[in-house]
mmCIF file of all heavy atoms, coordinates in Angstrom:
data_MODEL
# 
_entry.id   MODEL 
# 
loop_
_atom_site.group_PDB 
_atom_site.id 
_atom_site.type_symbol 
_atom_site.label_atom_id 
_atom_site.label_alt_id 
_atom_site.label_comp_id 
_atom_site.label_asym_id 
_atom_site.label_entity_id 
_atom_site.label_seq_id 
_atom_site.pdbx_PDB_ins_code 
_atom_site.Cartn_x 
_atom_site.Cartn_y 
_atom_site.Cartn_z 
_atom_site.occupancy 
_atom_site.B_iso_or_equiv 
_atom_site.pdbx_formal_charge 
_atom_site.auth_seq_id 
_atom_site.auth_comp_id 
_atom_site.auth_asym_id 
_atom_site.auth_atom_id 
_atom_site.pdbx_PDB_model_num 
ATOM 1   N N   . ALA A 1 1  ? 1.004  72.186 -43.252 1.00 0.00 ? 1  ALA A N   1 
ATOM 2   C CA  . ALA A 1 1  ? 2.120  72.144 -42.316 1.00 0.00 ? 1  ALA A CA  1 
ATOM 3   C C   . ALA A 1 1  ? 3.460  72.098 -43.002 1.00 0.00 ? 1  ALA A C   1 
ATOM 4   O O   . ALA A 1 1  ? 4.399  71.573 -42.476 1.00 0.00 ? 1  ALA A O   1 
ATOM 5   C CB  . ALA A 1 1  ? 1.974  70.911 -41.400 1.00 0.00 ? 1  ALA A CB  1 
ATOM 6   N N   . GLY A 1 2  ? 3.595  72.676 -44.157 1.00 0.00 ? 2  GLY A N   1 
ATOM 7   C CA  . GLY A 1 2  ? 4.801  72.500 -44.952 1.00 0.00 ? 2  GLY A CA  1 
ATOM 8   C C   . GLY A 1 2  ? 5.986  73.317 -44.515 1.00 0.00 ? 2  GLY A C   1 
ATOM 9   O O   . GLY A 1 2  ? 6.946  73.439 -45.260 1.00 0.00 ? 2  GLY A O   1 
ATOM 10  N N   . THR A 1 3  ? 5.986  73.931 -43.320 1.00 0.00 ? 3  THR A N   1 
ATOM 11  C CA  . THR A 1 3  ? 7.059  74.839 -42.967 1.00 0.00 ? 3  THR A CA  1 
ATOM 12  C C   . THR A 1 3  ? 7.816  74.413 -41.713 1.00 0.00 ? 3  THR A C   1 
ATOM 13  O O   . THR A 1 3  ? 8.437  75.230 -41.054 1.00 0.00 ? 3  THR A O   1 
ATOM 14  C CB  . THR A 1 3  ? 6.495  76.251 -42.750 1.00 0.00 ? 3  THR A CB  1 
ATOM 15  O OG1 . THR A 1 3  ? 5.495  76.199 -41.732 1.00 0.00 ? 3  THR A OG1 1 
ATOM 16  C CG2 . THR A 1 3  ? 5.875  76.785 -44.035 1.00 0.00 ? 3  THR A CG2 1 
ATOM 17  N N   . ALA A 1 4  ? 7.749  73.124 -41.328 1.00 0.00 ? 4  ALA A N   1 
ATOM 18  C CA  . ALA A 1 4  ? 8.469  72.670 -40.146 1.00 0.00 ? 4  ALA A CA  1 
ATOM 19  C C   . ALA A 1 4  ? 9.960  72.862 -40.339 1.00 0.00 ? 4  ALA A C   1 
ATOM 20  O O   . ALA A 1 4  ? 10.493 72.601 -41.419 1.00 0.00 ? 4  ALA A O   1 
ATOM 21  C CB  . ALA A 1 4  ? 8.161  71.194 -39.877 1.00 0.00 ? 4  ALA A CB  1 
ATOM 22  N N   . PRO A 1 5  ? 10.701 73.311 -39.338 1.00 0.00 ? 5  PRO A N   1 
ATOM 23  C CA  . PRO A 1 5  ? 12.134 73.511 -39.492 1.00 0.00 ? 5  PRO A CA  1 
ATOM 24  C C   . PRO A 1 5  ? 12.855 72.185 -39.707 1.00 0.00 ? 5  PRO A C   1 
ATOM 25  O O   . PRO A 1 5  ? 12.591 71.211 -39.022 1.00 0.00 ? 5  PRO A O   1 
ATOM 26  C CB  . PRO A 1 5  ? 12.551 74.161 -38.159 1.00 0.00 ? 5  PRO A CB  1 
ATOM 27  C CG  . PRO A 1 5  ? 11.489 73.742 -37.187 1.00 0.00 ? 5  PRO A CG  1 
ATOM 28  C CD  . PRO A 1 5  ? 10.232 73.659 -37.977 1.00 0.00 ? 5  PRO A CD  1 
ATOM 29  N N   . VAL A 1 6  ? 13.740 72.158 -40.672 1.00 0.00 ? 6  VAL A N   1 
ATOM 30  C CA  . VAL A 1 6  ? 14.461 70.944 -41.035 1.00 0.00 ? 6  VAL A CA  1 
ATOM 31  C C   . VAL A 1 6  ? 15.948 71.202 -40.886 1.00 0.00 ? 6  VAL A C   1 
ATOM 32  O O   . VAL A 1 6  ? 16.452 72.229 -41.346 1.00 0.00 ? 6  VAL A O   1 
ATOM 33  C CB  . VAL A 1 6  ? 14.138 70.548 -42.494 1.00 0.00 ? 6  VAL A CB  1 
ATOM 34  C CG1 . VAL A 1 6  ? 14.916 69.304 -42.884 1.00 0.00 ? 6  VAL A CG1 1 
ATOM 35  C CG2 . VAL A 1 6  ? 12.653 70.336 -42.669 1.00 0.00 ? 6  VAL A CG2 1 
ATOM 36  N N   . PRO A 1 7  ? 16.688 70.301 -40.236 1.00 0.00 ? 7  PRO A N   1 
ATOM 37  C CA  . PRO A 1 7  ? 18.129 70.490 -40.142 1.00 0.00 ? 7  PRO A CA  1 
ATOM 38  C C   . PRO A 1 7  ? 18.751 70.612 -41.526 1.00 0.00 ? 7  PRO A C   1 
ATOM 39  O O   . PRO A 1 7  ? 18.430 69.847 -42.432 1.00 0.00 ? 7  PRO A O   1 
ATOM 40  C CB  . PRO A 1 7  ? 18.601 69.202 -39.427 1.00 0.00 ? 7  PRO A CB  1 
ATOM 41  C CG  . PRO A 1 7  ? 17.386 68.696 -38.717 1.00 0.00 ? 7  PRO A CG  1 
ATOM 42  C CD  . PRO A 1 7  ? 16.225 69.081 -39.556 1.00 0.00 ? 7  PRO A CD  1 
ATOM 43  N N   . ALA A 1 8  ? 19.620 71.588 -41.703 1.00 0.00 ? 8  ALA A N   1 
ATOM 44  C CA  . ALA A 1 8  ? 20.210 71.840 -43.017 1.00 0.00 ? 8  ALA A CA  1 
ATOM 45  C C   . ALA A 1 8  ? 21.123 70.688 -43.409 1.00 0.00 ? 8  ALA A C   1 
ATOM 46  O O   . ALA A 1 8  ? 21.995 70.295 -42.635 1.00 0.00 ? 8  ALA A O   1 
ATOM 47  C CB  . ALA A 1 8  ? 20.997 73.140 -42.994 1.00 0.00 ? 8  ALA A CB  1 
ATOM 48  N N   . PRO A 1 9  ? 20.969 70.113 -44.590 1.00 0.00 ? 9  PRO A N   1 
ATOM 49  C CA  . PRO A 1 9  ? 21.867 69.051 -45.046 1.00 0.00 ? 9  PRO A CA  1 
ATOM 50  C C   . PRO A 1 9  ? 23.210 69.618 -45.447 1.00 0.00 ? 9  PRO A C   1 
ATOM 51  O O   . PRO A 1 9  ? 23.360 70.836 -45.655 1.00 0.00 ? 9  PRO A O   1 
ATOM 52  C CB  . PRO A 1 9  ? 21.126 68.479 -46.256 1.00 0.00 ? 9  PRO A CB  1 
ATOM 53  C CG  . PRO A 1 9  ? 20.326 69.629 -46.776 1.00 0.00 ? 9  PRO A CG  1 
ATOM 54  C CD  . PRO A 1 9  ? 19.927 70.417 -45.570 1.00 0.00 ? 9  PRO A CD  1 
ATOM 55  N N   . ALA A 1 10 ? 24.177 68.722 -45.570 1.00 0.00 ? 10 ALA A N   1 
ATOM 56  C CA  . ALA A 1 10 ? 25.498 69.150 -46.002 1.00 0.00 ? 10 ALA A CA  1 
ATOM 57  C C   . ALA A 1 10 ? 25.462 69.572 -47.464 1.00 0.00 ? 10 ALA A C   1 
ATOM 58  O O   . ALA A 1 10 ? 24.844 68.919 -48.290 1.00 0.00 ? 10 ALA A O   1 
ATOM 59  C CB  . ALA A 1 10 ? 26.492 68.000 -45.813 1.00 0.00 ? 10 ALA A CB  1 
ATOM 60  N N   . GLY A 1 11 ? 26.152 70.674 -47.775 1.00 0.00 ? 11 GLY A N   1 
ATOM 61  C CA  . GLY A 1 11 ? 26.233 71.125 -49.166 1.00 0.00 ? 11 GLY A CA  1 
ATOM 62  C C   . GLY A 1 11 ? 25.149 72.130 -49.502 1.00 0.00 ? 11 GLY A C   1 
ATOM 63  O O   . GLY A 1 11 ? 24.250 72.401 -48.709 1.00 0.00 ? 11 GLY A O   1 
ATOM 64  N N   . PRO A 1 12 ? 25.222 72.731 -50.692 1.00 0.00 ? 12 PRO A N   1 
ATOM 65  C CA  . PRO A 1 12 ? 24.246 73.740 -51.108 1.00 0.00 ? 12 PRO A CA  1 
ATOM 66  C C   . PRO A 1 12 ? 22.835 73.162 -51.160 1.00 0.00 ? 12 PRO A C   1 
ATOM 67  O O   . PRO A 1 12 ? 22.628 72.002 -51.484 1.00 0.00 ? 12 PRO A O   1 
ATOM 68  C CB  . PRO A 1 12 ? 24.729 74.138 -52.514 1.00 0.00 ? 12 PRO A CB  1 
ATOM 69  C CG  . PRO A 1 12 ? 26.153 73.696 -52.587 1.00 0.00 ? 12 PRO A CG  1 
ATOM 70  C CD  . PRO A 1 12 ? 26.258 72.505 -51.708 1.00 0.00 ? 12 PRO A CD  1 
ATOM 71  N N   . ARG A 1 13 ? 21.854 74.008 -50.847 1.00 0.00 ? 13 ARG A N   1 
ATOM 72  C CA  . ARG A 1 13 ? 20.460 73.584 -50.836 1.00 0.00 ? 13 ARG A CA  1 
ATOM 73  C C   . ARG A 1 13 ? 19.929 73.424 -52.255 1.00 0.00 ? 13 ARG A C   1 
ATOM 74  O O   . ARG A 1 13 ? 20.264 74.200 -53.156 1.00 0.00 ? 13 ARG A O   1 
ATOM 75  C CB  . ARG A 1 13 ? 19.621 74.598 -50.077 1.00 0.00 ? 13 ARG A CB  1 
ATOM 76  C CG  . ARG A 1 13 ? 18.150 74.216 -50.000 1.00 0.00 ? 13 ARG A CG  1 
ATOM 77  C CD  . ARG A 1 13 ? 17.319 75.317 -49.370 1.00 0.00 ? 13 ARG A CD  1 
ATOM 78  N NE  . ARG A 1 13 ? 15.904 74.964 -49.447 1.00 0.00 ? 13 ARG A NE  1 
ATOM 79  C CZ  . ARG A 1 13 ? 14.913 75.800 -49.160 1.00 0.00 ? 13 ARG A CZ  1 
ATOM 80  N NH1 . ARG A 1 13 ? 15.192 77.036 -48.781 1.00 0.00 ? 13 ARG A NH1 1 
ATOM 81  N NH2 . ARG A 1 13 ? 13.663 75.408 -49.258 1.00 0.00 ? 13 ARG A NH2 1 
ATOM 82  N N   . VAL A 1 14 ? 19.100 72.415 -52.459 1.00 0.00 ? 14 VAL A N   1 
ATOM 83  C CA  . VAL A 1 14 ? 18.449 72.179 -53.741 1.00 0.00 ? 14 VAL A CA  1 
ATOM 84  C C   . VAL A 1 14 ? 17.097 72.880 -53.745 1.00 0.00 ? 14 VAL A C   1 
ATOM 85  O O   . VAL A 1 14 ? 16.325 72.758 -52.783 1.00 0.00 ? 14 VAL A O   1 
ATOM 86  C CB  . VAL A 1 14 ? 18.245 70.670 -54.000 1.00 0.00 ? 14 VAL A CB  1 
ATOM 87  C CG1 . VAL A 1 14 ? 17.473 70.451 -55.296 1.00 0.00 ? 14 VAL A CG1 1 
ATOM 88  C CG2 . VAL A 1 14 ? 19.577 69.956 -54.046 1.00 0.00 ? 14 VAL A CG2 1 
ATOM 89  N N   . ARG A 1 15 ? 16.800 73.613 -54.799 1.00 0.00 ? 15 ARG A N   1 
ATOM 90  C CA  . ARG A 1 15 ? 15.484 74.201 -55.014 1.00 0.00 ? 15 ARG A CA  1 
ATOM 91  C C   . ARG A 1 15 ? 14.747 73.350 -56.037 1.00 0.00 ? 15 ARG A C   1 
ATOM 92  O O   . ARG A 1 15 ? 15.276 73.087 -57.122 1.00 0.00 ? 15 ARG A O   1 
ATOM 93  C CB  . ARG A 1 15 ? 15.595 75.652 -55.451 1.00 0.00 ? 15 ARG A CB  1 
ATOM 94  C CG  . ARG A 1 15 ? 16.244 76.542 -54.394 1.00 0.00 ? 15 ARG A CG  1 
ATOM 95  C CD  . ARG A 1 15 ? 16.213 78.006 -54.782 1.00 0.00 ? 15 ARG A CD  1 
ATOM 96  N NE  . ARG A 1 15 ? 16.826 78.828 -53.743 1.00 0.00 ? 15 ARG A NE  1 
ATOM 97  C CZ  . ARG A 1 15 ? 16.196 79.276 -52.666 1.00 0.00 ? 15 ARG A CZ  1 
ATOM 98  N NH1 . ARG A 1 15 ? 14.914 78.971 -52.493 1.00 0.00 ? 15 ARG A NH1 1 
ATOM 99  N NH2 . ARG A 1 15 ? 16.816 80.015 -51.767 1.00 0.00 ? 15 ARG A NH2 1 
ATOM 100 N N   . ILE A 1 16 ? 13.549 72.951 -55.695 1.00 0.00 ? 16 ILE A N   1 
ATOM 101 C CA  . ILE A 1 16 ? 12.867 71.895 -56.447 1.00 0.00 ? 16 ILE A CA  1 
ATOM 102 C C   . ILE A 1 16 ? 12.484 72.334 -57.852 1.00 0.00 ? 16 ILE A C   1 
ATOM 103 O O   . ILE A 1 16 ? 12.741 71.617 -58.830 1.00 0.00 ? 16 ILE A O   1 
ATOM 104 C CB  . ILE A 1 16 ? 11.636 71.407 -55.663 1.00 0.00 ? 16 ILE A CB  1 
ATOM 105 C CG1 . ILE A 1 16 ? 12.076 70.804 -54.328 1.00 0.00 ? 16 ILE A CG1 1 
ATOM 106 C CG2 . ILE A 1 16 ? 10.849 70.389 -56.480 1.00 0.00 ? 16 ILE A CG2 1 
ATOM 107 C CD1 . ILE A 1 16 ? 10.924 70.459 -53.397 1.00 0.00 ? 16 ILE A CD1 1 
ATOM 108 N N   . LEU A 1 17 ? 11.878 73.501 -57.999 1.00 0.00 ? 17 LEU A N   1 
ATOM 109 C CA  . LEU A 1 17 ? 11.431 73.926 -59.328 1.00 0.00 ? 17 LEU A CA  1 
ATOM 110 C C   . LEU A 1 17 ? 12.600 74.155 -60.285 1.00 0.00 ? 17 LEU A C   1 
ATOM 111 O O   . LEU A 1 17 ? 12.564 73.677 -61.428 1.00 0.00 ? 17 LEU A O   1 
ATOM 112 C CB  . LEU A 1 17 ? 10.561 75.182 -59.211 1.00 0.00 ? 17 LEU A CB  1 
ATOM 113 C CG  . LEU A 1 17 ? 9.607  75.443 -60.380 1.00 0.00 ? 17 LEU A CG  1 
ATOM 114 C CD1 . LEU A 1 17 ? 8.615  74.283 -60.534 1.00 0.00 ? 17 LEU A CD1 1 
ATOM 115 C CD2 . LEU A 1 17 ? 8.849  76.751 -60.168 1.00 0.00 ? 17 LEU A CD2 1 
ATOM 116 N N   . PRO A 1 18 ? 13.673 74.854 -59.879 1.00 0.00 ? 18 PRO A N   1 
ATOM 117 C CA  . PRO A 1 18 ? 14.831 74.958 -60.774 1.00 0.00 ? 18 PRO A CA  1 
ATOM 118 C C   . PRO A 1 18 ? 15.456 73.602 -61.119 1.00 0.00 ? 18 PRO A C   1 
ATOM 119 O O   . PRO A 1 18 ? 15.982 73.422 -62.216 1.00 0.00 ? 18 PRO A O   1 
ATOM 120 C CB  . PRO A 1 18 ? 15.806 75.838 -59.988 1.00 0.00 ? 18 PRO A CB  1 
ATOM 121 C CG  . PRO A 1 18 ? 14.937 76.661 -59.103 1.00 0.00 ? 18 PRO A CG  1 
ATOM 122 C CD  . PRO A 1 18 ? 13.816 75.736 -58.706 1.00 0.00 ? 18 PRO A CD  1 
ATOM 123 N N   . ALA A 1 19 ? 15.370 72.648 -60.182 1.00 0.00 ? 19 ALA A N   1 
ATOM 124 C CA  . ALA A 1 19 ? 15.883 71.311 -60.480 1.00 0.00 ? 19 ALA A CA  1 
ATOM 125 C C   . ALA A 1 19 ? 15.097 70.679 -61.627 1.00 0.00 ? 19 ALA A C   1 
ATOM 126 O O   . ALA A 1 19 ? 15.660 70.053 -62.531 1.00 0.00 ? 19 ALA A O   1 
ATOM 127 C CB  . ALA A 1 19 ? 15.814 70.425 -59.237 1.00 0.00 ? 19 ALA A CB  1 
ATOM 128 N N   . GLY A 1 20 ? 13.760 70.847 -61.606 1.00 0.00 ? 20 GLY A N   1 
ATOM 129 C CA  . GLY A 1 20 ? 12.947 70.338 -62.706 1.00 0.00 ? 20 GLY A CA  1 
ATOM 130 C C   . GLY A 1 20 ? 13.260 71.020 -64.020 1.00 0.00 ? 20 GLY A C   1 
ATOM 131 O O   . GLY A 1 20 ? 13.307 70.379 -65.077 1.00 0.00 ? 20 GLY A O   1 
ATOM 132 N N   . LEU A 1 21 ? 13.483 72.331 -63.971 1.00 0.00 ? 21 LEU A N   1 
ATOM 133 C CA  . LEU A 1 21 ? 13.836 73.065 -65.189 1.00 0.00 ? 21 LEU A CA  1 
ATOM 134 C C   . LEU A 1 21 ? 15.157 72.579 -65.759 1.00 0.00 ? 21 LEU A C   1 
ATOM 135 O O   . LEU A 1 21 ? 15.288 72.359 -66.976 1.00 0.00 ? 21 LEU A O   1 
ATOM 136 C CB  . LEU A 1 21 ? 13.903 74.560 -64.878 1.00 0.00 ? 21 LEU A CB  1 
ATOM 137 C CG  . LEU A 1 21 ? 14.356 75.474 -66.022 1.00 0.00 ? 21 LEU A CG  1 
ATOM 138 C CD1 . LEU A 1 21 ? 13.385 75.391 -67.192 1.00 0.00 ? 21 LEU A CD1 1 
ATOM 139 C CD2 . LEU A 1 21 ? 14.491 76.912 -65.529 1.00 0.00 ? 21 LEU A CD2 1 
ATOM 140 N N   . LEU A 1 22 ? 16.155 72.395 -64.900 1.00 0.00 ? 22 LEU A N   1 
ATOM 141 C CA  . LEU A 1 22 ? 17.457 71.916 -65.353 1.00 0.00 ? 22 LEU A CA  1 
ATOM 142 C C   . LEU A 1 22 ? 17.348 70.535 -65.980 1.00 0.00 ? 22 LEU A C   1 
ATOM 143 O O   . LEU A 1 22 ? 17.922 70.261 -67.046 1.00 0.00 ? 22 LEU A O   1 
ATOM 144 C CB  . LEU A 1 22 ? 18.431 71.903 -64.171 1.00 0.00 ? 22 LEU A CB  1 
ATOM 145 C CG  . LEU A 1 22 ? 19.870 71.468 -64.473 1.00 0.00 ? 22 LEU A CG  1 
ATOM 146 C CD1 . LEU A 1 22 ? 20.521 72.412 -65.472 1.00 0.00 ? 22 LEU A CD1 1 
ATOM 147 C CD2 . LEU A 1 22 ? 20.680 71.412 -63.175 1.00 0.00 ? 22 LEU A CD2 1 
ATOM 148 N N   . MET A 1 23 ? 16.603 69.658 -65.320 1.00 0.00 ? 23 MET A N   1 
ATOM 149 C CA  . MET A 1 23 ? 16.385 68.324 -65.865 1.00 0.00 ? 23 MET A CA  1 
ATOM 150 C C   . MET A 1 23 ? 15.699 68.396 -67.222 1.00 0.00 ? 23 MET A C   1 
ATOM 151 O O   . MET A 1 23 ? 16.076 67.716 -68.180 1.00 0.00 ? 23 MET A O   1 
ATOM 152 C CB  . MET A 1 23 ? 15.531 67.505 -64.903 1.00 0.00 ? 23 MET A CB  1 
ATOM 153 C CG  . MET A 1 23 ? 15.104 66.145 -65.415 1.00 0.00 ? 23 MET A CG  1 
ATOM 154 S SD  . MET A 1 23 ? 16.450 64.989 -65.342 1.00 0.00 ? 23 MET A SD  1 
ATOM 155 C CE  . MET A 1 23 ? 16.548 64.796 -63.567 1.00 0.00 ? 23 MET A CE  1 
ATOM 156 N N   . GLY A 1 24 ? 14.675 69.233 -67.329 1.00 0.00 ? 24 GLY A N   1 
ATOM 157 C CA  . GLY A 1 24 ? 13.930 69.338 -68.575 1.00 0.00 ? 24 GLY A CA  1 
ATOM 158 C C   . GLY A 1 24 ? 14.772 69.843 -69.723 1.00 0.00 ? 24 GLY A C   1 
ATOM 159 O O   . GLY A 1 24 ? 14.657 69.356 -70.862 1.00 0.00 ? 24 GLY A O   1 
ATOM 160 N N   . LEU A 1 25 ? 15.620 70.817 -69.469 1.00 0.00 ? 25 LEU A N   1 
ATOM 161 C CA  . LEU A 1 25 ? 16.486 71.338 -70.533 1.00 0.00 ? 25 LEU A CA  1 
ATOM 162 C C   . LEU A 1 25 ? 17.440 70.253 -71.031 1.00 0.00 ? 25 LEU A C   1 
ATOM 163 O O   . LEU A 1 25 ? 17.693 70.139 -72.239 1.00 0.00 ? 25 LEU A O   1 
ATOM 164 C CB  . LEU A 1 25 ? 17.270 72.543 -70.019 1.00 0.00 ? 25 LEU A CB  1 
ATOM 165 C CG  . LEU A 1 25 ? 16.436 73.817 -69.766 1.00 0.00 ? 25 LEU A CG  1 
ATOM 166 C CD1 . LEU A 1 25 ? 17.295 74.881 -69.090 1.00 0.00 ? 25 LEU A CD1 1 
ATOM 167 C CD2 . LEU A 1 25 ? 15.866 74.342 -71.079 1.00 0.00 ? 25 LEU A CD2 1 
ATOM 168 N N   . GLY A 1 26 ? 17.960 69.452 -70.112 1.00 0.00 ? 26 GLY A N   1 
ATOM 169 C CA  . GLY A 1 26 ? 18.850 68.371 -70.533 1.00 0.00 ? 26 GLY A CA  1 
ATOM 170 C C   . GLY A 1 26 ? 18.146 67.338 -71.388 1.00 0.00 ? 26 GLY A C   1 
ATOM 171 O O   . GLY A 1 26 ? 18.674 66.892 -72.419 1.00 0.00 ? 26 GLY A O   1 
# 
């Protein structure tokens, strides 16, 4: 059920996998 519509939060959307990559590089 991972596709339920979610109200968009304020600001640009975070993508989870690129976030992990960015963290890892740092």
